[in-house]
């Protein structure tokens, strides 16, 4: 069984959880802005934000004692891969869905 977060790790857990939210939102925002506004130079910044998300998730997993079990390591890595690929899949879904809009909107 996973032990709860130690009191000495509470600030680290709180801060890394906040950074997961902030860097995840920044990654999604930069990714969408780069695609919608046709600014491919923003894509490296989006991936840099994802790298921050990756680091924050690793710190959070360490502070929350999730590295004690192979199952939780798998779940954490699966979530990270999913969040890396999800914006790409959603973008292609939106482009495919709106490709033949009658009002001439072109994504």
PDB file of N, CA and C in Angstrom:
ATOM      1  N   UNK A   1       0.835  -1.181   0.000  1.00  0.00           N
ATOM      2  CA  UNK A   1       0.000   0.000   0.000  1.00  0.00           C
ATOM      3  C   UNK A   1       0.877   1.241   0.000  1.00  0.00           C
ATOM      4  N   UNK A   2       0.424   2.274  -0.682  1.00  0.00           N
ATOM      5  CA  UNK A   2       1.181   3.517  -0.769  1.00  0.00           C
ATOM      6  C   UNK A   2       0.994   4.313   0.518  1.00  0.00           C
ATOM      7  N   UNK A   3       2.120   4.795   1.046  1.00  0.00           N
ATOM      8  CA  UNK A   3       2.054   5.621   2.240  1.00  0.00           C
ATOM      9  C   UNK A   3       1.625   7.033   1.851  1.00  0.00           C
ATOM     10  N   UNK A   4       0.903   7.709   2.734  1.00  0.00           N
ATOM     11  CA  UNK A   4       0.518   9.099   2.432  1.00  0.00           C
ATOM     12  C   UNK A   4       1.753   9.996   2.391  1.00  0.00           C
ATOM     13  N   UNK A   5       1.561  11.186   1.889  1.00  0.00           N
ATOM     14  CA  UNK A   5       2.652  12.147   1.773  1.00  0.00           C
ATOM     15  C   UNK A   5       3.125  12.545   3.163  1.00  0.00           C
ATOM     16  N   UNK A   6       4.430  12.498   3.349  1.00  0.00           N
ATOM     17  CA  UNK A   6       5.004  12.903   4.627  1.00  0.00           C
ATOM     18  C   UNK A   6       4.834  14.410   4.807  1.00  0.00           C
ATOM     19  N   UNK A   7       4.733  14.817   6.036  1.00  0.00           N
ATOM     20  CA  UNK A   7       4.539  16.231   6.336  1.00  0.00           C
ATOM     21  C   UNK A   7       5.689  17.075   5.804  1.00  0.00           C
ATOM     22  N   UNK A   8       6.900  16.532   5.831  1.00  0.00           N
ATOM     23  CA  UNK A   8       8.054  17.273   5.317  1.00  0.00           C
ATOM     24  C   UNK A   8       7.970  17.466   3.805  1.00  0.00           C
ATOM     25  N   UNK A   9       7.213  16.632   3.096  1.00  0.00           N
ATOM     26  CA  UNK A   9       7.065  16.732   1.642  1.00  0.00           C
ATOM     27  C   UNK A   9       5.788  17.450   1.226  1.00  0.00           C
ATOM     28  N   UNK A  10       5.056  18.008   2.173  1.00  0.00           N
ATOM     29  CA  UNK A  10       3.785  18.636   1.841  1.00  0.00           C
ATOM     30  C   UNK A  10       3.962  19.825   0.906  1.00  0.00           C
ATOM     31  N   UNK A  11       4.919  20.716   1.203  1.00  0.00           N
ATOM     32  CA  UNK A  11       5.139  21.880   0.344  1.00  0.00           C
ATOM     33  C   UNK A  11       5.580  21.451  -1.043  1.00  0.00           C
ATOM     34  N   UNK A  12       6.469  20.468  -1.114  1.00  0.00           N
ATOM     35  CA  UNK A  12       6.925  19.967  -2.414  1.00  0.00           C
ATOM     36  C   UNK A  12       5.763  19.376  -3.205  1.00  0.00           C
ATOM     37  N   UNK A  13       4.886  18.658  -2.540  1.00  0.00           N
ATOM     38  CA  UNK A  13       3.709  18.082  -3.194  1.00  0.00           C
ATOM     39  C   UNK A  13       2.780  19.182  -3.683  1.00  0.00           C
ATOM     40  N   UNK A  14       2.516  20.154  -2.839  1.00  0.00           N
ATOM     41  CA  UNK A  14       1.637  21.258  -3.203  1.00  0.00           C
ATOM     42  C   UNK A  14       2.200  22.043  -4.380  1.00  0.00           C
ATOM     43  N   UNK A  15       3.475  22.400  -4.319  1.00  0.00           N
ATOM     44  CA  UNK A  15       4.106  23.189  -5.372  1.00  0.00           C
ATOM     45  C   UNK A  15       4.181  22.413  -6.682  1.00  0.00           C
ATOM     46  N   UNK A  16       4.559  21.154  -6.628  1.00  0.00           N
ATOM     47  CA  UNK A  16       4.665  20.376  -7.872  1.00  0.00           C
ATOM     48  C   UNK A  16       3.282  20.125  -8.480  1.00  0.00           C
ATOM     49  N   UNK A  17       2.262  19.950  -7.668  1.00  0.00           N
ATOM     50  CA  UNK A  17       0.903  19.787  -8.202  1.00  0.00           C
ATOM     51  C   UNK A  17       0.440  21.068  -8.888  1.00  0.00           C
ATOM     52  N   UNK A  18       0.763  22.215  -8.305  1.00  0.00           N
ATOM     53  CA  UNK A  18       0.421  23.488  -8.939  1.00  0.00           C
ATOM     54  C   UNK A  18       1.181  23.655 -10.253  1.00  0.00           C
ATOM     55  N   UNK A  19       2.430  23.220 -10.288  1.00  0.00           N
ATOM     56  CA  UNK A  19       3.220  23.320 -11.512  1.00  0.00           C
ATOM     57  C   UNK A  19       2.704  22.368 -12.589  1.00  0.00           C
ATOM     58  N   UNK A  20       2.165  21.224 -12.205  1.00  0.00           N
ATOM     59  CA  UNK A  20       1.556  20.317 -13.177  1.00  0.00           C
ATOM     60  C   UNK A  20       0.392  21.027 -13.870  1.00  0.00           C
ATOM     61  N   UNK A  21      -0.425  21.700 -13.107  1.00  0.00           N
ATOM     62  CA  UNK A  21      -1.571  22.415 -13.679  1.00  0.00           C
ATOM     63  C   UNK A  21      -1.096  23.550 -14.577  1.00  0.00           C
ATOM     64  N   UNK A  22      -0.154  24.342 -14.097  1.00  0.00           N
ATOM     65  CA  UNK A  22       0.303  25.506 -14.862  1.00  0.00           C
ATOM     66  C   UNK A  22       1.038  25.102 -16.143  1.00  0.00           C
ATOM     67  N   UNK A  23       1.954  24.160 -16.058  1.00  0.00           N
ATOM     68  CA  UNK A  23       2.710  23.775 -17.254  1.00  0.00           C
ATOM     69  C   UNK A  23       1.842  22.993 -18.230  1.00  0.00           C
ATOM     70  N   UNK A  24       0.891  22.216 -17.731  1.00  0.00           N
ATOM     71  CA  UNK A  24      -0.039  21.523 -18.618  1.00  0.00           C
ATOM     72  C   UNK A  24      -0.917  22.494 -19.379  1.00  0.00           C
ATOM     73  N   UNK A  25      -1.397  23.508 -18.694  1.00  0.00           N
ATOM     74  CA  UNK A  25      -2.212  24.530 -19.359  1.00  0.00           C
ATOM     75  C   UNK A  25      -1.381  25.337 -20.347  1.00  0.00           C
ATOM     76  N   UNK A  26      -0.146  25.652 -19.994  1.00  0.00           N
ATOM     77  CA  UNK A  26       0.731  26.389 -20.896  1.00  0.00           C
ATOM     78  C   UNK A  26       1.041  25.574 -22.146  1.00  0.00           C
ATOM     79  N   UNK A  27       1.281  24.277 -21.983  1.00  0.00           N
ATOM     80  CA  UNK A  27       1.523  23.407 -23.137  1.00  0.00           C
ATOM     81  C   UNK A  27       0.310  23.408 -24.068  1.00  0.00           C
ATOM     82  N   UNK A  28      -0.872  23.222 -23.516  1.00  0.00           N
ATOM     83  CA  UNK A  28      -2.080  23.194 -24.346  1.00  0.00           C
ATOM     84  C   UNK A  28      -2.320  24.546 -25.014  1.00  0.00           C
ATOM     85  N   UNK A  29      -2.112  25.626 -24.299  1.00  0.00           N
ATOM     86  CA  UNK A  29      -2.321  26.963 -24.842  1.00  0.00           C
ATOM     87  C   UNK A  29      -1.342  27.268 -25.975  1.00  0.00           C
ATOM     88  N   UNK A  30      -0.068  27.001 -25.752  1.00  0.00           N
ATOM     89  CA  UNK A  30       0.926  27.263 -26.790  1.00  0.00           C
ATOM     90  C   UNK A  30       0.724  26.372 -28.003  1.00  0.00           C
ATOM     91  N   UNK A  31       0.377  25.110 -27.768  1.00  0.00           N
ATOM     92  CA  UNK A  31       0.125  24.194 -28.879  1.00  0.00           C
ATOM     93  C   UNK A  31      -1.038  24.696 -29.725  1.00  0.00           C
ATOM     94  N   UNK A  32      -2.135  25.049 -29.082  1.00  0.00           N
ATOM     95  CA  UNK A  32      -3.310  25.515 -29.813  1.00  0.00           C
ATOM     96  C   UNK A  32      -3.033  26.836 -30.521  1.00  0.00           C
ATOM     97  N   UNK A  33      -2.357  27.744 -29.857  1.00  0.00           N
ATOM     98  CA  UNK A  33      -2.065  29.037 -30.462  1.00  0.00           C
ATOM     99  C   UNK A  33      -1.149  28.873 -31.674  1.00  0.00           C
ATOM    100  N   UNK A  34      -0.158  27.998 -31.575  1.00  0.00           N
ATOM    101  CA  UNK A  34       0.750  27.760 -32.701  1.00  0.00           C
ATOM    102  C   UNK A  34       0.000  27.200 -33.901  1.00  0.00           C
ATOM    103  N   UNK A  35      -0.965  26.320 -33.658  1.00  0.00           N
ATOM    104  CA  UNK A  35      -1.721  25.721 -34.763  1.00  0.00           C
ATOM    105  C   UNK A  35      -2.771  26.675 -35.333  1.00  0.00           C
ATOM    106  N   UNK A  36      -3.528  27.326 -34.476  1.00  0.00           N
ATOM    107  CA  UNK A  36      -4.625  28.175 -34.943  1.00  0.00           C
ATOM    108  C   UNK A  36      -4.097  29.423 -35.653  1.00  0.00           C
ATOM    109  N   UNK A  37      -3.061  30.038 -35.111  1.00  0.00           N
ATOM    110  CA  UNK A  37      -2.519  31.269 -35.676  1.00  0.00           C
ATOM    111  C   UNK A  37      -1.411  31.019 -36.701  1.00  0.00           C
ATOM    112  N   UNK A  38      -1.154  29.760 -37.019  1.00  0.00           N
ATOM    113  CA  UNK A  38      -0.123  29.379 -37.995  1.00  0.00           C
ATOM    114  C   UNK A  38       1.243  29.974 -37.624  1.00  0.00           C
ATOM    115  N   UNK A  39       1.640  29.741 -36.400  1.00  0.00           N
ATOM    116  CA  UNK A  39       2.935  30.207 -35.900  1.00  0.00           C
ATOM    117  C   UNK A  39       3.749  29.006 -35.428  1.00  0.00           C
ATOM    118  N   UNK A  40       4.388  28.302 -36.363  1.00  0.00           N
ATOM    119  CA  UNK A  40       5.126  27.094 -35.983  1.00  0.00           C
ATOM    120  C   UNK A  40       6.321  27.352 -35.073  1.00  0.00           C
ATOM    121  N   UNK A  41       6.775  28.607 -35.003  1.00  0.00           N
ATOM    122  CA  UNK A  41       7.893  28.907 -34.112  1.00  0.00           C
ATOM    123  C   UNK A  41       7.501  28.811 -32.642  1.00  0.00           C
ATOM    124  N   UNK A  42       6.201  28.772 -32.348  1.00  0.00           N
ATOM    125  CA  UNK A  42       5.753  28.612 -30.957  1.00  0.00           C
ATOM    126  C   UNK A  42       5.749  27.159 -30.514  1.00  0.00           C
ATOM    127  N   UNK A  43       5.825  26.230 -31.468  1.00  0.00           N
ATOM    128  CA  UNK A  43       5.766  24.813 -31.109  1.00  0.00           C
ATOM    129  C   UNK A  43       6.931  24.374 -30.213  1.00  0.00           C
ATOM    130  N   UNK A  44       8.175  24.844 -30.440  1.00  0.00           N
ATOM    131  CA  UNK A  44       9.232  24.485 -29.481  1.00  0.00           C
ATOM    132  C   UNK A  44       8.953  24.980 -28.061  1.00  0.00           C
ATOM    133  N   UNK A  45       8.307  26.138 -27.945  1.00  0.00           N
ATOM    134  CA  UNK A  45       7.936  26.626 -26.614  1.00  0.00           C
ATOM    135  C   UNK A  45       6.875  25.728 -25.977  1.00  0.00           C
ATOM    136  N   UNK A  46       5.966  25.204 -26.801  1.00  0.00           N
ATOM    137  CA  UNK A  46       4.961  24.279 -26.292  1.00  0.00           C
ATOM    138  C   UNK A  46       5.643  23.013 -25.765  1.00  0.00           C
ATOM    139  N   UNK A  47       6.607  22.509 -26.511  1.00  0.00           N
ATOM    140  CA  UNK A  47       7.311  21.312 -26.057  1.00  0.00           C
ATOM    141  C   UNK A  47       8.196  21.590 -24.846  1.00  0.00           C
ATOM    142  N   UNK A  48       8.688  22.802 -24.731  1.00  0.00           N
ATOM    143  CA  UNK A  48       9.426  23.182 -23.531  1.00  0.00           C
ATOM    144  C   UNK A  48       8.491  23.198 -22.315  1.00  0.00           C
ATOM    145  N   UNK A  49       7.270  23.683 -22.518  1.00  0.00           N
ATOM    146  CA  UNK A  49       6.271  23.642 -21.446  1.00  0.00           C
ATOM    147  C   UNK A  49       5.944  22.195 -21.089  1.00  0.00           C
ATOM    148  N   UNK A  50       5.892  21.312 -22.105  1.00  0.00           N
ATOM    149  CA  UNK A  50       5.649  19.901 -21.814  1.00  0.00           C
ATOM    150  C   UNK A  50       6.802  19.310 -21.002  1.00  0.00           C
ATOM    151  N   UNK A  51       8.017  19.714 -21.313  1.00  0.00           N
ATOM    152  CA  UNK A  51       9.161  19.246 -20.530  1.00  0.00           C
ATOM    153  C   UNK A  51       9.021  19.679 -19.067  1.00  0.00           C
ATOM    154  N   UNK A  52       8.534  20.899 -18.853  1.00  0.00           N
ATOM    155  CA  UNK A  52       8.255  21.350 -17.489  1.00  0.00           C
ATOM    156  C   UNK A  52       7.165  20.518 -16.840  1.00  0.00           C
ATOM    157  N   UNK A  53       6.153  20.151 -17.630  1.00  0.00           N
ATOM    158  CA  UNK A  53       5.091  19.272 -17.129  1.00  0.00           C
ATOM    159  C   UNK A  53       5.669  17.920 -16.731  1.00  0.00           C
ATOM    160  N   UNK A  54       6.524  17.381 -17.579  1.00  0.00           N
ATOM    161  CA  UNK A  54       7.152  16.087 -17.301  1.00  0.00           C
ATOM    162  C   UNK A  54       7.938  16.141 -15.991  1.00  0.00           C
ATOM    163  N   UNK A  55       8.750  17.180 -15.829  1.00  0.00           N
ATOM    164  CA  UNK A  55       9.543  17.317 -14.605  1.00  0.00           C
ATOM    165  C   UNK A  55       8.643  17.484 -13.379  1.00  0.00           C
ATOM    166  N   UNK A  56       7.592  18.269 -13.510  1.00  0.00           N
ATOM    167  CA  UNK A  56       6.679  18.487 -12.378  1.00  0.00           C
ATOM    168  C   UNK A  56       5.965  17.205 -11.989  1.00  0.00           C
ATOM    169  N   UNK A  57       5.564  16.418 -12.971  1.00  0.00           N
ATOM    170  CA  UNK A  57       4.898  15.141 -12.679  1.00  0.00           C
ATOM    171  C   UNK A  57       5.862  14.181 -11.993  1.00  0.00           C
ATOM    172  N   UNK A  58       7.104  14.165 -12.430  1.00  0.00           N
ATOM    173  CA  UNK A  58       8.088  13.281 -11.793  1.00  0.00           C
ATOM    174  C   UNK A  58       8.326  13.681 -10.340  1.00  0.00           C
ATOM    175  N   UNK A  59       8.426  14.985 -10.081  1.00  0.00           N
ATOM    176  CA  UNK A  59       8.612  15.456  -8.701  1.00  0.00           C
ATOM    177  C   UNK A  59       7.380  15.120  -7.864  1.00  0.00           C
ATOM    178  N   UNK A  60       6.196  15.320  -8.425  1.00  0.00           N
ATOM    179  CA  UNK A  60       4.969  14.999  -7.705  1.00  0.00           C
ATOM    180  C   UNK A  60       4.872  13.498  -7.416  1.00  0.00           C
ATOM    181  N   UNK A  61       5.223  12.684  -8.387  1.00  0.00           N
ATOM    182  CA  UNK A  61       5.185  11.236  -8.174  1.00  0.00           C
ATOM    183  C   UNK A  61       6.177  10.811  -7.096  1.00  0.00           C
ATOM    184  N   UNK A  62       7.340  11.438  -7.083  1.00  0.00           N
ATOM    185  CA  UNK A  62       8.326  11.128  -6.039  1.00  0.00           C
ATOM    186  C   UNK A  62       7.810  11.555  -4.669  1.00  0.00           C
ATOM    187  N   UNK A  63       7.292  12.774  -4.575  1.00  0.00           N
ATOM    188  CA  UNK A  63       6.813  13.295  -3.288  1.00  0.00           C
ATOM    189  C   UNK A  63       5.610  12.520  -2.779  1.00  0.00           C
ATOM    190  N   UNK A  64       4.802  11.988  -3.694  1.00  0.00           N
ATOM    191  CA  UNK A  64       3.608  11.237  -3.298  1.00  0.00           C
ATOM    192  C   UNK A  64       3.889   9.744  -3.146  1.00  0.00           C
ATOM    193  N   UNK A  65       5.141   9.372  -3.193  1.00  0.00           N
ATOM    194  CA  UNK A  65       5.571   7.971  -3.010  1.00  0.00           C
ATOM    195  C   UNK A  65       4.989   7.032  -4.063  1.00  0.00           C
ATOM    196  N   UNK A  66       4.851   7.498  -5.277  1.00  0.00           N
ATOM    197  CA  UNK A  66       4.297   6.650  -6.338  1.00  0.00           C
ATOM    198  C   UNK A  66       5.347   5.779  -7.002  1.00  0.00           C
ATOM    199  N   UNK A  67       6.617   6.031  -6.738  1.00  0.00           N
ATOM    200  CA  UNK A  67       7.667   5.212  -7.333  1.00  0.00           C
ATOM    201  C   UNK A  67       7.909   3.914  -6.573  1.00  0.00           C
ATOM    202  N   UNK A  68       7.111   3.662  -5.569  1.00  0.00           N
ATOM    203  CA  UNK A  68       7.289   2.432  -4.792  1.00  0.00           C
ATOM    204  C   UNK A  68       6.647   1.222  -5.463  1.00  0.00           C
ATOM    205  N   UNK A  69       5.821   1.457  -6.470  1.00  0.00           N
ATOM    206  CA  UNK A  69       5.108   0.369  -7.135  1.00  0.00           C
ATOM    207  C   UNK A  69       5.229   0.521  -8.641  1.00  0.00           C
ATOM    208  N   UNK A  70       5.480  -0.595  -9.317  1.00  0.00           N
ATOM    209  CA  UNK A  70       5.573  -0.583 -10.774  1.00  0.00           C
ATOM    210  C   UNK A  70       4.272  -0.190 -11.432  1.00  0.00           C
ATOM    211  N   UNK A  71       3.149  -0.522 -10.808  1.00  0.00           N
ATOM    212  CA  UNK A  71       1.853  -0.166 -11.360  1.00  0.00           C
ATOM    213  C   UNK A  71       1.696   1.340 -11.455  1.00  0.00           C
ATOM    214  N   UNK A  72       2.053   2.064 -10.382  1.00  0.00           N
ATOM    215  CA  UNK A  72       1.887   3.516 -10.381  1.00  0.00           C
ATOM    216  C   UNK A  72       2.867   4.197 -11.317  1.00  0.00           C
ATOM    217  N   UNK A  73       4.067   3.641 -11.447  1.00  0.00           N
ATOM    218  CA  UNK A  73       5.022   4.181 -12.421  1.00  0.00           C
ATOM    219  C   UNK A  73       4.434   4.067 -13.823  1.00  0.00           C
ATOM    220  N   UNK A  74       3.827   2.922 -14.122  1.00  0.00           N
ATOM    221  CA  UNK A  74       3.190   2.719 -15.425  1.00  0.00           C
ATOM    222  C   UNK A  74       2.067   3.731 -15.644  1.00  0.00           C
ATOM    223  N   UNK A  75       1.243   3.962 -14.645  1.00  0.00           N
ATOM    224  CA  UNK A  75       0.137   4.913 -14.758  1.00  0.00           C
ATOM    225  C   UNK A  75       0.657   6.323 -14.996  1.00  0.00           C
ATOM    226  N   UNK A  76       1.683   6.731 -14.274  1.00  0.00           N
ATOM    227  CA  UNK A  76       2.260   8.069 -14.437  1.00  0.00           C
ATOM    228  C   UNK A  76       2.816   8.235 -15.846  1.00  0.00           C
ATOM    229  N   UNK A  77       3.565   7.256 -16.325  1.00  0.00           N
ATOM    230  CA  UNK A  77       4.140   7.339 -17.669  1.00  0.00           C
ATOM    231  C   UNK A  77       3.054   7.298 -18.743  1.00  0.00           C
ATOM    232  N   UNK A  78       2.032   6.498 -18.537  1.00  0.00           N
ATOM    233  CA  UNK A  78       0.916   6.440 -19.484  1.00  0.00           C
ATOM    234  C   UNK A  78       0.202   7.797 -19.563  1.00  0.00           C
ATOM    235  N   UNK A  79       0.022   8.433 -18.437  1.00  0.00           N
ATOM    236  CA  UNK A  79      -0.596   9.755 -18.419  1.00  0.00           C
ATOM    237  C   UNK A  79       0.267  10.777 -19.156  1.00  0.00           C
ATOM    238  N   UNK A  80       1.566  10.713 -18.967  1.00  0.00           N
ATOM    239  CA  UNK A  80       2.458  11.647 -19.643  1.00  0.00           C
ATOM    240  C   UNK A  80       2.452  11.453 -21.156  1.00  0.00           C
ATOM    241  N   UNK A  81       2.461  10.217 -21.600  1.00  0.00           N
ATOM    242  CA  UNK A  81       2.392   9.939 -23.037  1.00  0.00           C
ATOM    243  C   UNK A  81       1.050  10.401 -23.595  1.00  0.00           C
ATOM    244  N   UNK A  82      -0.015  10.148 -22.868  1.00  0.00           N
ATOM    245  CA  UNK A  82      -1.339  10.584 -23.306  1.00  0.00           C
ATOM    246  C   UNK A  82      -1.445  12.081 -23.420  1.00  0.00           C
ATOM    247  N   UNK A  83      -0.870  12.815 -22.469  1.00  0.00           N
ATOM    248  CA  UNK A  83      -0.955  14.269 -22.536  1.00  0.00           C
ATOM    249  C   UNK A  83      -0.046  14.849 -23.606  1.00  0.00           C
ATOM    250  N   UNK A  84       0.986  14.111 -23.991  1.00  0.00           N
ATOM    251  CA  UNK A  84       1.821  14.548 -25.101  1.00  0.00           C
ATOM    252  C   UNK A  84       1.095  14.375 -26.427  1.00  0.00           C
ATOM    253  N   UNK A  85       0.382  13.273 -26.590  1.00  0.00           N
ATOM    254  CA  UNK A  85      -0.252  12.946 -27.867  1.00  0.00           C
ATOM    255  C   UNK A  85      -1.671  13.478 -28.016  1.00  0.00           C
ATOM    256  N   UNK A  86      -2.358  13.733 -26.931  1.00  0.00           N
ATOM    257  CA  UNK A  86      -3.761  14.155 -26.997  1.00  0.00           C
ATOM    258  C   UNK A  86      -3.971  15.443 -27.792  1.00  0.00           C
ATOM    259  N   UNK A  87      -3.185  16.492 -27.605  1.00  0.00           N
ATOM    260  CA  UNK A  87      -3.424  17.705 -28.407  1.00  0.00           C
ATOM    261  C   UNK A  87      -3.271  17.462 -29.914  1.00  0.00           C
ATOM    262  N   UNK A  88      -2.336  16.595 -30.299  1.00  0.00           N
ATOM    263  CA  UNK A  88      -2.182  16.269 -31.718  1.00  0.00           C
ATOM    264  C   UNK A  88      -3.438  15.576 -32.243  1.00  0.00           C
ATOM    265  N   UNK A  89      -3.927  14.602 -31.493  1.00  0.00           N
ATOM    266  CA  UNK A  89      -5.122  13.865 -31.915  1.00  0.00           C
ATOM    267  C   UNK A  89      -6.342  14.774 -31.964  1.00  0.00           C
ATOM    268  N   UNK A  90      -6.494  15.626 -30.977  1.00  0.00           N
ATOM    269  CA  UNK A  90      -7.636  16.544 -30.946  1.00  0.00           C
ATOM    270  C   UNK A  90      -7.548  17.528 -32.100  1.00  0.00           C
ATOM    271  N   UNK A  91      -6.349  18.007 -32.409  1.00  0.00           N
ATOM    272  CA  UNK A  91      -6.197  18.938 -33.531  1.00  0.00           C
ATOM    273  C   UNK A  91      -6.609  18.269 -34.841  1.00  0.00           C
ATOM    274  N   UNK A  92      -6.124  17.053 -35.074  1.00  0.00           N
ATOM    275  CA  UNK A  92      -6.475  16.350 -36.313  1.00  0.00           C
ATOM    276  C   UNK A  92      -7.968  16.036 -36.367  1.00  0.00           C
ATOM    277  N   UNK A  93      -8.568  15.732 -35.250  1.00  0.00           N
ATOM    278  CA  UNK A  93     -10.007  15.500 -35.198  1.00  0.00           C
ATOM    279  C   UNK A  93     -10.780  16.770 -35.556  1.00  0.00           C
ATOM    280  N   UNK A  94     -10.358  17.897 -34.999  1.00  0.00           N
ATOM    281  CA  UNK A  94     -11.035  19.167 -35.302  1.00  0.00           C
ATOM    282  C   UNK A  94     -10.865  19.556 -36.767  1.00  0.00           C
ATOM    283  N   UNK A  95      -9.672  19.388 -37.297  1.00  0.00           N
ATOM    284  CA  UNK A  95      -9.432  19.723 -38.706  1.00  0.00           C
ATOM    285  C   UNK A  95     -10.268  18.820 -39.598  1.00  0.00           C
ATOM    286  N   UNK A  96     -10.297  17.534 -39.287  1.00  0.00           N
ATOM    287  CA  UNK A  96     -11.089  16.605 -40.081  1.00  0.00           C
ATOM    288  C   UNK A  96     -12.577  16.864 -39.982  1.00  0.00           C
ATOM    289  N   UNK A  97     -13.045  17.262 -38.830  1.00  0.00           N
ATOM    290  CA  UNK A  97     -14.464  17.524 -38.630  1.00  0.00           C
ATOM    291  C   UNK A  97     -14.905  18.788 -39.357  1.00  0.00           C
ATOM    292  N   UNK A  98     -14.060  19.797 -39.365  1.00  0.00           N
ATOM    293  CA  UNK A  98     -14.437  21.089 -39.939  1.00  0.00           C
ATOM    294  C   UNK A  98     -13.827  21.344 -41.320  1.00  0.00           C
ATOM    295  N   UNK A  99     -13.344  20.300 -41.965  1.00  0.00           N
ATOM    296  CA  UNK A  99     -12.680  20.483 -43.262  1.00  0.00           C
ATOM    297  C   UNK A  99     -13.638  20.966 -44.344  1.00  0.00           C
ATOM    298  N   UNK A 100     -14.869  20.586 -44.272  1.00  0.00           N
ATOM    299  CA  UNK A 100     -15.822  20.924 -45.324  1.00  0.00           C
ATOM    300  C   UNK A 100     -16.928  21.832 -44.817  1.00  0.00           C
ATOM    301  N   UNK A 101     -16.576  22.830 -44.051  1.00  0.00           N
ATOM    302  CA  UNK A 101     -17.553  23.787 -43.540  1.00  0.00           C
ATOM    303  C   UNK A 101     -18.045  24.655 -44.691  1.00  0.00           C
ATOM    304  N   UNK A 102     -19.352  24.849 -44.807  1.00  0.00           N
ATOM    305  CA  UNK A 102     -19.876  25.629 -45.917  1.00  0.00           C
ATOM    306  C   UNK A 102     -19.568  27.139 -45.846  1.00  0.00           C
ATOM    307  N   UNK A 103     -19.255  27.654 -44.665  1.00  0.00           N
ATOM    308  CA  UNK A 103     -19.028  29.107 -44.560  1.00  0.00           C
ATOM    309  C   UNK A 103     -17.590  29.507 -44.887  1.00  0.00           C
ATOM    310  N   UNK A 104     -16.766  28.560 -45.285  1.00  0.00           N
ATOM    311  CA  UNK A 104     -15.412  28.867 -45.725  1.00  0.00           C
ATOM    312  C   UNK A 104     -14.397  28.978 -44.623  1.00  0.00           C
ATOM    313  N   UNK A 105     -14.729  28.563 -43.420  1.00  0.00           N
ATOM    314  CA  UNK A 105     -13.785  28.600 -42.314  1.00  0.00           C
ATOM    315  C   UNK A 105     -12.744  27.521 -42.570  1.00  0.00           C
ATOM    316  N   UNK A 106     -11.489  27.899 -42.573  1.00  0.00           N
ATOM    317  CA  UNK A 106     -10.407  26.956 -42.834  1.00  0.00           C
ATOM    318  C   UNK A 106      -9.471  26.935 -41.633  1.00  0.00           C
ATOM    319  N   UNK A 107      -9.375  25.783 -40.996  1.00  0.00           N
ATOM    320  CA  UNK A 107      -8.451  25.673 -39.866  1.00  0.00           C
ATOM    321  C   UNK A 107      -7.097  25.347 -40.404  1.00  0.00           C
TER     322      UNK A 107
END
